[in-house]
Amino acid sequence: MPFSIRQATKKDLPRVLELILELAVFEKEPHAVEVTVKDLEQAAFENPKQFVCFVAESEGIIEGIALVYNRFSTWKGSILHLEDLIVSQNKRGSGLGTALLDEVVKYGHNLGVKRISWEVIDWNEPAIIFYEKKGADVKRDWDVVHLNEDAIKNYISNI
C-alpha cells in the first residue's frame, strides 16, 4: 500500500478530527472529545502555534496522524510531546504507524530535543509492544495526573 507522510493543512483538519473521534471510541470514551475543527485550526495555524500534525495519506485519504508539541523538562531541557499517534483501524499493521513515528522522531531530532515522550493506555498491549520494539521505555511505574476543567475551577475557588 503506497502512502505519504506530510504536515497537515487546514483542509485536513475535518479528517484529523474524525481520527481523533475514532481513537476516543477505541479507548472507550466516545463522548470525551470536546475539540472542534475550529479549535484545531486555531491551535495549529494561528500565533502562537500550539502543535504540529503529521498525516499519513493513502490513495487520497488520510489514514493516520501524529500530533506533537514542544515541552520543557526541568531535568533534560527541550522535549517533544507526542499527544497522539492514530492509525485508522482498517490500516493498522500496514506500516503507517511506523512511518508516522519515524517522522516524529526525525522532527524531534531536527529540533534538537533531548527526549520525545508520550503516554499509552495500560491495556493497549499491541501499542505497548509496538513502542517497545522501537526502543521506547514504557514507564509503568509512573501515573499520569490531570486536573480537568471542573477541577481547575474548583482549585481556583479554594485558593
C-alpha atoms as a PDB file:
ATOM      1  CA  MET A   1       0.000   0.000   0.000  1.00  0.00           C
ATOM      2  CA  PRO A   2       1.651   3.259  -1.073  1.00  0.00           C
ATOM      3  CA  PHE A   3       1.330   6.179   1.317  1.00  0.00           C
ATOM      4  CA  SER A   4       2.950   9.503   2.051  1.00  0.00           C
ATOM      5  CA  ILE A   5       3.625  11.442   5.254  1.00  0.00           C
ATOM      6  CA  ARG A   6       3.337  15.225   5.333  1.00  0.00           C
ATOM      7  CA  GLN A   7       2.357  18.049   7.645  1.00  0.00           C
ATOM      8  CA  ALA A   8      -1.370  18.674   7.906  1.00  0.00           C
ATOM      9  CA  THR A   9      -3.042  21.598   6.193  1.00  0.00           C
ATOM     10  CA  LYS A  10      -6.238  23.371   7.239  1.00  0.00           C
ATOM     11  CA  LYS A  11      -8.260  21.306   4.766  1.00  0.00           C
ATOM     12  CA  ASP A  12      -7.074  18.112   6.502  1.00  0.00           C
ATOM     13  CA  LEU A  13      -8.483  19.040   9.903  1.00  0.00           C
ATOM     14  CA  PRO A  14     -12.007  17.585   9.497  1.00  0.00           C
ATOM     15  CA  ARG A  15     -10.423  14.190   8.792  1.00  0.00           C
ATOM     16  CA  VAL A  16      -7.951  14.707  11.660  1.00  0.00           C
ATOM     17  CA  LEU A  17     -10.925  15.211  13.969  1.00  0.00           C
ATOM     18  CA  GLU A  18     -12.586  12.042  12.606  1.00  0.00           C
ATOM     19  CA  LEU A  19      -9.467  10.078  13.531  1.00  0.00           C
ATOM     20  CA  ILE A  20      -9.405  11.668  16.992  1.00  0.00           C
ATOM     21  CA  LEU A  21     -13.018  10.550  17.450  1.00  0.00           C
ATOM     22  CA  GLU A  22     -12.118   7.050  16.208  1.00  0.00           C
ATOM     23  CA  LEU A  23      -9.404   6.886  18.880  1.00  0.00           C
ATOM     24  CA  ALA A  24     -11.870   8.031  21.556  1.00  0.00           C
ATOM     25  CA  VAL A  25     -14.214   5.187  20.610  1.00  0.00           C
ATOM     26  CA  PHE A  26     -11.305   2.711  20.693  1.00  0.00           C
ATOM     27  CA  GLU A  27     -10.319   3.983  24.160  1.00  0.00           C
ATOM     28  CA  LYS A  28     -13.942   3.605  25.328  1.00  0.00           C
ATOM     29  CA  GLU A  29     -14.509   7.355  25.775  1.00  0.00           C
ATOM     30  CA  PRO A  30     -16.535   8.338  22.699  1.00  0.00           C
ATOM     31  CA  HIS A  31     -18.132  11.341  24.419  1.00  0.00           C
ATOM     32  CA  ALA A  32     -14.919  12.760  25.886  1.00  0.00           C
ATOM     33  CA  VAL A  33     -13.791  14.672  22.776  1.00  0.00           C
ATOM     34  CA  GLU A  34     -14.690  18.355  23.043  1.00  0.00           C
ATOM     35  CA  VAL A  35     -12.271  19.816  20.495  1.00  0.00           C
ATOM     36  CA  THR A  36     -13.692  21.115  17.205  1.00  0.00           C
ATOM     37  CA  VAL A  37     -12.212  21.643  13.762  1.00  0.00           C
ATOM     38  CA  LYS A  38     -12.123  25.360  14.554  1.00  0.00           C
ATOM     39  CA  ASP A  39     -10.168  24.658  17.768  1.00  0.00           C
ATOM     40  CA  LEU A  40      -7.686  22.560  15.812  1.00  0.00           C
ATOM     41  CA  GLU A  41      -7.341  25.220  13.132  1.00  0.00           C
ATOM     42  CA  GLN A  42      -6.672  27.983  15.643  1.00  0.00           C
ATOM     43  CA  ALA A  43      -4.164  25.901  17.601  1.00  0.00           C
ATOM     44  CA  ALA A  44      -2.300  24.656  14.530  1.00  0.00           C
ATOM     45  CA  PHE A  45      -2.220  27.712  12.313  1.00  0.00           C
ATOM     46  CA  GLU A  46      -2.584  30.857  14.412  1.00  0.00           C
ATOM     47  CA  ASN A  47       0.003  32.516  16.615  1.00  0.00           C
ATOM     48  CA  PRO A  48       1.158  31.104  18.875  1.00  0.00           C
ATOM     49  CA  LYS A  49       1.225  27.797  17.038  1.00  0.00           C
ATOM     50  CA  GLN A  50       0.412  25.131  19.630  1.00  0.00           C
ATOM     51  CA  PHE A  51       1.072  21.908  17.745  1.00  0.00           C
ATOM     52  CA  VAL A  52       2.287  20.283  14.546  1.00  0.00           C
ATOM     53  CA  CYS A  53       0.296  17.475  12.989  1.00  0.00           C
ATOM     54  CA  PHE A  54       1.686  14.937  10.550  1.00  0.00           C
ATOM     55  CA  VAL A  55      -0.747  12.997   8.373  1.00  0.00           C
ATOM     56  CA  ALA A  56      -0.356   9.661   6.618  1.00  0.00           C
ATOM     57  CA  GLU A  57      -2.217   9.684   3.323  1.00  0.00           C
ATOM     58  CA  SER A  58      -3.043   6.687   1.167  1.00  0.00           C
ATOM     59  CA  GLU A  59      -4.935   6.937  -2.118  1.00  0.00           C
ATOM     60  CA  GLY A  60      -6.001  10.487  -1.239  1.00  0.00           C
ATOM     61  CA  ILE A  61      -7.399   9.538   2.187  1.00  0.00           C
ATOM     62  CA  ILE A  62      -5.784  10.462   5.496  1.00  0.00           C
ATOM     63  CA  GLU A  63      -5.468   7.177   7.376  1.00  0.00           C
ATOM     64  CA  GLY A  64      -3.272   8.277  10.283  1.00  0.00           C
ATOM     65  CA  ILE A  65      -1.992  11.249  12.238  1.00  0.00           C
ATOM     66  CA  ALA A  66       0.727  12.125  14.711  1.00  0.00           C
ATOM     67  CA  LEU A  67       0.169  15.303  16.715  1.00  0.00           C
ATOM     68  CA  VAL A  68       3.176  16.781  18.572  1.00  0.00           C
ATOM     69  CA  TYR A  69       4.112  19.867  20.553  1.00  0.00           C
ATOM     70  CA  ASN A  70       7.121  21.235  22.387  1.00  0.00           C
ATOM     71  CA  ARG A  71       7.578  20.974  26.156  1.00  0.00           C
ATOM     72  CA  PHE A  72      10.372  21.746  28.540  1.00  0.00           C
ATOM     73  CA  SER A  73      11.815  19.335  31.083  1.00  0.00           C
ATOM     74  CA  THR A  74      13.487  20.727  34.183  1.00  0.00           C
ATOM     75  CA  TRP A  75      15.855  17.757  34.054  1.00  0.00           C
ATOM     76  CA  LYS A  76      16.548  17.453  30.329  1.00  0.00           C
ATOM     77  CA  GLY A  77      15.602  20.718  28.612  1.00  0.00           C
ATOM     78  CA  SER A  78      13.673  20.803  25.345  1.00  0.00           C
ATOM     79  CA  ILE A  79      11.462  17.790  24.691  1.00  0.00           C
ATOM     80  CA  LEU A  80       8.811  16.903  22.133  1.00  0.00           C
ATOM     81  CA  HIS A  81       5.499  15.507  23.310  1.00  0.00           C
ATOM     82  CA  LEU A  82       3.594  13.108  21.053  1.00  0.00           C
ATOM     83  CA  GLU A  83      -0.012  13.731  22.056  1.00  0.00           C
ATOM     84  CA  ASP A  84      -1.485  11.086  19.791  1.00  0.00           C
ATOM     85  CA  LEU A  85      -0.395   8.692  17.100  1.00  0.00           C
ATOM     86  CA  ILE A  86      -3.548   7.395  15.452  1.00  0.00           C
ATOM     87  CA  VAL A  87      -3.897   4.936  12.591  1.00  0.00           C
ATOM     88  CA  SER A  88      -7.302   4.078  11.186  1.00  0.00           C
ATOM     89  CA  GLN A  89      -8.334   0.667  12.457  1.00  0.00           C
ATOM     90  CA  ASN A  90      -8.530  -0.739   8.928  1.00  0.00           C
ATOM     91  CA  LYS A  91      -4.914   0.325   8.222  1.00  0.00           C
ATOM     92  CA  ARG A  92      -3.235  -0.922  11.415  1.00  0.00           C
ATOM     93  CA  GLY A  93      -0.337  -3.236  10.661  1.00  0.00           C
ATOM     94  CA  SER A  94       0.275  -1.595   7.268  1.00  0.00           C
ATOM     95  CA  GLY A  95       3.366   0.373   8.255  1.00  0.00           C
ATOM     96  CA  LEU A  96       1.587   3.713   8.665  1.00  0.00           C
ATOM     97  CA  GLY A  97       2.246   3.820  12.411  1.00  0.00           C
ATOM     98  CA  THR A  98       5.941   3.183  11.901  1.00  0.00           C
ATOM     99  CA  ALA A  99       6.124   5.835   9.183  1.00  0.00           C
ATOM    100  CA  LEU A 100       4.383   8.377  11.406  1.00  0.00           C
ATOM    101  CA  LEU A 101       6.620   7.582  14.384  1.00  0.00           C
ATOM    102  CA  ASP A 102       9.673   7.802  12.093  1.00  0.00           C
ATOM    103  CA  GLU A 103       8.546  11.285  11.044  1.00  0.00           C
ATOM    104  CA  VAL A 104       8.040  12.365  14.658  1.00  0.00           C
ATOM    105  CA  VAL A 105      11.499  11.114  15.634  1.00  0.00           C
ATOM    106  CA  LYS A 106      13.129  12.859  12.651  1.00  0.00           C
ATOM    107  CA  TYR A 107      11.250  16.056  13.503  1.00  0.00           C
ATOM    108  CA  GLY A 108      12.347  15.903  17.149  1.00  0.00           C
ATOM    109  CA  HIS A 109      15.929  15.142  16.140  1.00  0.00           C
ATOM    110  CA  ASN A 110      15.952  18.139  13.782  1.00  0.00           C
ATOM    111  CA  LEU A 111      14.659  20.331  16.619  1.00  0.00           C
ATOM    112  CA  GLY A 112      17.469  19.061  18.829  1.00  0.00           C
ATOM    113  CA  VAL A 113      15.176  17.827  21.589  1.00  0.00           C
ATOM    114  CA  LYS A 114      16.579  15.781  24.453  1.00  0.00           C
ATOM    115  CA  ARG A 115      13.589  13.461  24.662  1.00  0.00           C
ATOM    116  CA  ILE A 116      10.361  12.531  22.904  1.00  0.00           C
ATOM    117  CA  SER A 117       7.617  11.475  25.306  1.00  0.00           C
ATOM    118  CA  TRP A 118       4.048  10.216  25.159  1.00  0.00           C
ATOM    119  CA  GLU A 119       1.527   8.126  27.059  1.00  0.00           C
ATOM    120  CA  VAL A 120      -0.030   4.819  26.179  1.00  0.00           C
ATOM    121  CA  ILE A 121      -3.100   3.385  27.887  1.00  0.00           C
ATOM    122  CA  ASP A 122      -2.104   0.377  30.006  1.00  0.00           C
ATOM    123  CA  TRP A 123      -4.487  -2.128  28.372  1.00  0.00           C
ATOM    124  CA  ASN A 124      -3.348  -1.378  24.810  1.00  0.00           C
ATOM    125  CA  GLU A 125      -0.767  -4.169  24.645  1.00  0.00           C
ATOM    126  CA  PRO A 126      -0.346  -4.006  20.834  1.00  0.00           C
ATOM    127  CA  ALA A 127       0.674  -0.339  21.122  1.00  0.00           C
ATOM    128  CA  ILE A 128       2.982  -1.038  24.089  1.00  0.00           C
ATOM    129  CA  ILE A 129       4.678  -3.856  22.185  1.00  0.00           C
ATOM    130  CA  PHE A 130       4.988  -1.613  19.094  1.00  0.00           C
ATOM    131  CA  TYR A 131       6.635   1.187  21.094  1.00  0.00           C
ATOM    132  CA  GLU A 132       8.967  -1.138  22.978  1.00  0.00           C
ATOM    133  CA  LYS A 133      10.106  -2.725  19.686  1.00  0.00           C
ATOM    134  CA  LYS A 134      11.007   0.786  18.522  1.00  0.00           C
ATOM    135  CA  GLY A 135      13.222   1.254  21.596  1.00  0.00           C
ATOM    136  CA  ALA A 136      10.830   3.263  23.761  1.00  0.00           C
ATOM    137  CA  ASP A 137      10.980   2.864  27.540  1.00  0.00           C
ATOM    138  CA  VAL A 138       7.385   2.412  28.754  1.00  0.00           C
ATOM    139  CA  LYS A 139       7.384   3.817  32.305  1.00  0.00           C
ATOM    140  CA  ARG A 140       4.931   1.506  34.040  1.00  0.00           C
ATOM    141  CA  ASP A 141       5.777   2.943  37.448  1.00  0.00           C
ATOM    142  CA  TRP A 142       4.565   6.472  36.623  1.00  0.00           C
ATOM    143  CA  ASP A 143       0.974   7.681  36.819  1.00  0.00           C
ATOM    144  CA  VAL A 144      -0.485  10.416  34.630  1.00  0.00           C
ATOM    145  CA  VAL A 145      -2.011  13.271  36.633  1.00  0.00           C
ATOM    146  CA  HIS A 146      -4.750  15.542  35.261  1.00  0.00           C
ATOM    147  CA  LEU A 147      -6.761  18.446  36.572  1.00  0.00           C
ATOM    148  CA  ASN A 148      -9.823  18.650  34.311  1.00  0.00           C
ATOM    149  CA  GLU A 149     -11.694  21.892  33.661  1.00  0.00           C
ATOM    150  CA  ASP A 150     -14.037  21.444  36.649  1.00  0.00           C
ATOM    151  CA  ALA A 151     -11.142  20.532  38.927  1.00  0.00           C
ATOM    152  CA  ILE A 152      -9.236  23.645  37.814  1.00  0.00           C
ATOM    153  CA  LYS A 153     -12.251  25.837  38.630  1.00  0.00           C
ATOM    154  CA  ASN A 154     -12.656  24.120  41.990  1.00  0.00           C
ATOM    155  CA  TYR A 155      -8.959  24.510  42.738  1.00  0.00           C
ATOM    156  CA  ILE A 156      -9.051  28.230  41.869  1.00  0.00           C
ATOM    157  CA  SER A 157     -12.114  28.789  44.048  1.00  0.00           C
ATOM    158  CA  ASN A 158     -10.218  27.338  47.013  1.00  0.00           C
ATOM    159  CA  ILE A 159      -7.093  29.466  46.681  1.00  0.00           C
END
